[in-house]
Amino acid sequence: MGSPAGETGRGANEVRHSVTLTRRFQMSPLLITQQQWQALFQNNPSQHSSCGPRCPVERVNWFEALAYANALSAQYYGAGK
């Protein structure tokens, strides 16, 4: 984790370090669309909602993105598994 010293946008407090993943996970190779978000949460937080349902959802914070990932996991794998 972290970025190389010369990378644009690197934070002053970044430190590169190794990370070991101890559990399997899946990640979408595509952006989450406004339609996908709305199907799961029945709302659309996007400022650019007039762009259309196939545009990426935006204006979500880390906690909202985490809630989306957890809700999607619960939908596919069951809440108690």
N, C-alpha and C. Protein backbone atom coordinates (compact mmCIF):
# COMPACT_ATOMS: atom_id res chain seq x y z
N MET A 1 0.84 -1.17 0.00
CA MET A 1 0.00 0.00 0.00
C MET A 1 0.88 1.22 0.00
N GLY A 2 0.26 2.32 -0.36
CA GLY A 2 1.00 3.56 -0.47
C GLY A 2 1.39 3.78 -1.93
N SER A 3 2.04 4.84 -2.19
CA SER A 3 2.44 5.14 -3.57
C SER A 3 3.92 5.49 -3.62
N PRO A 4 4.51 5.37 -4.82
CA PRO A 4 5.93 5.71 -4.94
C PRO A 4 6.16 7.19 -4.62
N ALA A 5 7.35 7.50 -4.17
CA ALA A 5 7.68 8.86 -3.73
C ALA A 5 7.41 9.91 -4.81
N GLY A 6 7.60 9.59 -6.07
CA GLY A 6 7.44 10.57 -7.13
C GLY A 6 6.05 10.65 -7.73
N GLU A 7 5.09 9.92 -7.19
CA GLU A 7 3.75 9.88 -7.78
C GLU A 7 2.98 11.17 -7.51
N THR A 8 2.33 11.69 -8.55
CA THR A 8 1.51 12.88 -8.43
C THR A 8 0.36 12.62 -7.45
N GLY A 9 0.13 13.56 -6.56
CA GLY A 9 -0.97 13.44 -5.61
C GLY A 9 -0.62 12.65 -4.36
N ARG A 10 0.61 12.23 -4.24
CA ARG A 10 1.03 11.46 -3.05
C ARG A 10 0.91 12.34 -1.82
N GLY A 11 0.33 11.79 -0.76
CA GLY A 11 0.20 12.52 0.50
C GLY A 11 1.52 12.55 1.25
N ALA A 12 1.74 13.61 1.99
CA ALA A 12 2.99 13.78 2.73
C ALA A 12 3.15 12.71 3.82
N ASN A 13 2.04 12.14 4.28
CA ASN A 13 2.11 11.16 5.36
C ASN A 13 2.06 9.72 4.86
N GLU A 14 2.15 9.51 3.56
CA GLU A 14 2.10 8.15 3.03
C GLU A 14 3.40 7.40 3.29
N VAL A 15 3.24 6.14 3.64
CA VAL A 15 4.38 5.25 3.82
C VAL A 15 4.07 3.98 3.05
N ARG A 16 4.95 3.58 2.14
CA ARG A 16 4.74 2.33 1.42
C ARG A 16 5.00 1.16 2.34
N HIS A 17 4.10 0.17 2.27
CA HIS A 17 4.28 -1.03 3.07
C HIS A 17 3.54 -2.19 2.43
N SER A 18 3.98 -3.39 2.76
CA SER A 18 3.35 -4.60 2.24
C SER A 18 2.10 -4.92 3.03
N VAL A 19 1.15 -5.53 2.34
CA VAL A 19 -0.10 -5.95 2.98
C VAL A 19 -0.35 -7.39 2.58
N THR A 20 -0.76 -8.20 3.52
CA THR A 20 -1.12 -9.59 3.25
C THR A 20 -2.62 -9.74 3.44
N LEU A 21 -3.29 -10.17 2.39
CA LEU A 21 -4.73 -10.42 2.48
C LEU A 21 -4.94 -11.81 3.04
N THR A 22 -5.80 -11.91 4.05
CA THR A 22 -6.01 -13.19 4.71
C THR A 22 -7.36 -13.82 4.38
N ARG A 23 -8.18 -13.12 3.61
CA ARG A 23 -9.48 -13.65 3.20
C ARG A 23 -9.69 -13.38 1.73
N ARG A 24 -10.48 -14.24 1.11
CA ARG A 24 -10.83 -14.03 -0.29
C ARG A 24 -11.81 -12.86 -0.39
N PHE A 25 -11.80 -12.18 -1.52
CA PHE A 25 -12.79 -11.13 -1.77
C PHE A 25 -12.99 -11.02 -3.27
N GLN A 26 -14.11 -10.45 -3.64
CA GLN A 26 -14.39 -10.19 -5.05
C GLN A 26 -14.54 -8.69 -5.23
N MET A 27 -14.16 -8.23 -6.41
CA MET A 27 -14.24 -6.81 -6.71
C MET A 27 -14.79 -6.65 -8.12
N SER A 28 -15.68 -5.72 -8.29
CA SER A 28 -16.22 -5.46 -9.61
C SER A 28 -15.15 -4.80 -10.48
N PRO A 29 -15.00 -5.25 -11.71
CA PRO A 29 -14.04 -4.59 -12.60
C PRO A 29 -14.60 -3.30 -13.20
N LEU A 30 -15.88 -3.02 -12.92
CA LEU A 30 -16.55 -1.85 -13.49
C LEU A 30 -17.01 -0.90 -12.39
N LEU A 31 -17.24 0.35 -12.76
CA LEU A 31 -17.80 1.32 -11.84
C LEU A 31 -19.23 0.92 -11.50
N ILE A 32 -19.70 1.28 -10.33
CA ILE A 32 -21.08 1.01 -9.94
C ILE A 32 -21.95 2.12 -10.54
N THR A 33 -22.98 1.71 -11.24
CA THR A 33 -23.84 2.69 -11.90
C THR A 33 -24.89 3.24 -10.94
N GLN A 34 -25.46 4.36 -11.33
CA GLN A 34 -26.54 4.95 -10.55
C GLN A 34 -27.71 3.97 -10.47
N GLN A 35 -27.96 3.25 -11.52
CA GLN A 35 -29.05 2.27 -11.55
C GLN A 35 -28.79 1.15 -10.54
N GLN A 36 -27.57 0.64 -10.48
CA GLN A 36 -27.24 -0.41 -9.53
C GLN A 36 -27.40 0.08 -8.09
N TRP A 37 -26.92 1.29 -7.82
CA TRP A 37 -27.03 1.85 -6.48
C TRP A 37 -28.50 2.00 -6.11
N GLN A 38 -29.29 2.56 -7.01
CA GLN A 38 -30.69 2.82 -6.73
C GLN A 38 -31.47 1.51 -6.53
N ALA A 39 -31.11 0.47 -7.26
CA ALA A 39 -31.79 -0.82 -7.11
C ALA A 39 -31.57 -1.40 -5.70
N LEU A 40 -30.43 -1.13 -5.12
CA LEU A 40 -30.11 -1.68 -3.80
C LEU A 40 -30.59 -0.78 -2.66
N PHE A 41 -30.47 0.54 -2.83
CA PHE A 41 -30.76 1.48 -1.74
C PHE A 41 -31.99 2.37 -1.96
N GLN A 42 -32.62 2.29 -3.11
CA GLN A 42 -33.79 3.10 -3.43
C GLN A 42 -33.54 4.61 -3.30
N ASN A 43 -32.30 5.03 -3.55
CA ASN A 43 -31.99 6.46 -3.62
C ASN A 43 -30.84 6.65 -4.59
N ASN A 44 -30.61 7.88 -4.97
CA ASN A 44 -29.51 8.19 -5.88
C ASN A 44 -28.79 9.43 -5.36
N PRO A 45 -27.63 9.25 -4.75
CA PRO A 45 -26.91 10.38 -4.17
C PRO A 45 -26.16 11.23 -5.20
N SER A 46 -26.18 10.83 -6.46
CA SER A 46 -25.37 11.48 -7.47
C SER A 46 -25.82 12.91 -7.77
N GLN A 47 -24.86 13.78 -7.87
CA GLN A 47 -25.15 15.17 -8.25
C GLN A 47 -25.54 15.23 -9.72
N HIS A 48 -25.00 14.31 -10.51
CA HIS A 48 -25.25 14.31 -11.96
C HIS A 48 -26.25 13.21 -12.33
N SER A 49 -27.38 13.18 -11.64
CA SER A 49 -28.38 12.14 -11.90
C SER A 49 -29.01 12.29 -13.28
N SER A 50 -28.98 13.50 -13.85
CA SER A 50 -29.54 13.69 -15.20
C SER A 50 -28.68 13.03 -16.27
N CYS A 51 -27.49 12.60 -15.89
CA CYS A 51 -26.59 11.90 -16.81
C CYS A 51 -27.21 10.59 -17.28
N GLY A 52 -27.99 9.97 -16.40
CA GLY A 52 -28.66 8.73 -16.77
C GLY A 52 -28.28 7.58 -15.87
N PRO A 53 -29.09 6.53 -15.88
CA PRO A 53 -28.90 5.41 -14.96
C PRO A 53 -27.64 4.59 -15.21
N ARG A 54 -27.06 4.70 -16.40
CA ARG A 54 -25.86 3.91 -16.71
C ARG A 54 -24.57 4.65 -16.38
N CYS A 55 -24.69 5.88 -15.91
CA CYS A 55 -23.51 6.65 -15.49
C CYS A 55 -23.07 6.19 -14.10
N PRO A 56 -21.81 6.38 -13.78
CA PRO A 56 -21.33 5.96 -12.45
C PRO A 56 -22.02 6.74 -11.34
N VAL A 57 -22.25 6.07 -10.23
CA VAL A 57 -22.75 6.76 -9.05
C VAL A 57 -21.59 7.57 -8.49
N GLU A 58 -21.88 8.74 -7.97
CA GLU A 58 -20.83 9.58 -7.39
C GLU A 58 -21.40 10.33 -6.20
N ARG A 59 -20.52 11.01 -5.47
CA ARG A 59 -20.87 11.73 -4.25
C ARG A 59 -21.24 10.78 -3.12
N VAL A 60 -20.53 9.65 -3.04
CA VAL A 60 -20.68 8.75 -1.90
C VAL A 60 -19.36 8.75 -1.14
N ASN A 61 -19.45 8.65 0.16
CA ASN A 61 -18.22 8.62 0.96
C ASN A 61 -17.80 7.18 1.22
N TRP A 62 -16.71 7.01 1.92
CA TRP A 62 -16.17 5.68 2.21
C TRP A 62 -17.19 4.80 2.91
N PHE A 63 -17.88 5.34 3.89
CA PHE A 63 -18.82 4.56 4.67
C PHE A 63 -20.03 4.13 3.83
N GLU A 64 -20.48 5.00 2.93
CA GLU A 64 -21.58 4.65 2.04
C GLU A 64 -21.15 3.57 1.04
N ALA A 65 -19.93 3.68 0.54
CA ALA A 65 -19.41 2.65 -0.38
C ALA A 65 -19.28 1.31 0.35
N LEU A 66 -18.84 1.34 1.59
CA LEU A 66 -18.74 0.13 2.40
C LEU A 66 -20.12 -0.47 2.65
N ALA A 67 -21.10 0.38 2.94
CA ALA A 67 -22.47 -0.09 3.15
C ALA A 67 -23.00 -0.75 1.87
N TYR A 68 -22.67 -0.18 0.72
CA TYR A 68 -23.09 -0.76 -0.55
C TYR A 68 -22.46 -2.15 -0.73
N ALA A 69 -21.17 -2.25 -0.50
CA ALA A 69 -20.48 -3.53 -0.66
C ALA A 69 -21.04 -4.58 0.30
N ASN A 70 -21.31 -4.18 1.54
CA ASN A 70 -21.87 -5.12 2.52
C ASN A 70 -23.28 -5.54 2.14
N ALA A 71 -24.11 -4.60 1.68
CA ALA A 71 -25.48 -4.92 1.28
C ALA A 71 -25.47 -5.83 0.05
N LEU A 72 -24.57 -5.60 -0.86
CA LEU A 72 -24.46 -6.44 -2.05
C LEU A 72 -24.02 -7.85 -1.67
N SER A 73 -23.07 -7.94 -0.75
CA SER A 73 -22.62 -9.25 -0.27
C SER A 73 -23.75 -10.00 0.41
N ALA A 74 -24.51 -9.28 1.24
CA ALA A 74 -25.64 -9.91 1.94
C ALA A 74 -26.69 -10.39 0.94
N GLN A 75 -26.89 -9.63 -0.12
CA GLN A 75 -27.86 -10.00 -1.14
C GLN A 75 -27.43 -11.29 -1.86
N TYR A 76 -26.16 -11.42 -2.15
CA TYR A 76 -25.67 -12.57 -2.91
C TYR A 76 -25.34 -13.78 -2.03
N TYR A 77 -24.83 -13.53 -0.84
CA TYR A 77 -24.33 -14.62 -0.02
C TYR A 77 -25.14 -14.85 1.25
N GLY A 78 -26.11 -14.02 1.50
CA GLY A 78 -26.93 -14.14 2.71
C GLY A 78 -26.31 -13.36 3.85
N ALA A 79 -27.15 -12.72 4.63
CA ALA A 79 -26.67 -11.83 5.69
C ALA A 79 -25.91 -12.56 6.78
N GLY A 80 -26.24 -13.81 7.07
CA GLY A 80 -25.60 -14.49 8.18
C GLY A 80 -24.49 -15.43 7.81
N LYS A 81 -24.05 -15.41 6.58
CA LYS A 81 -23.01 -16.36 6.16
C LYS A 81 -21.65 -15.75 6.16
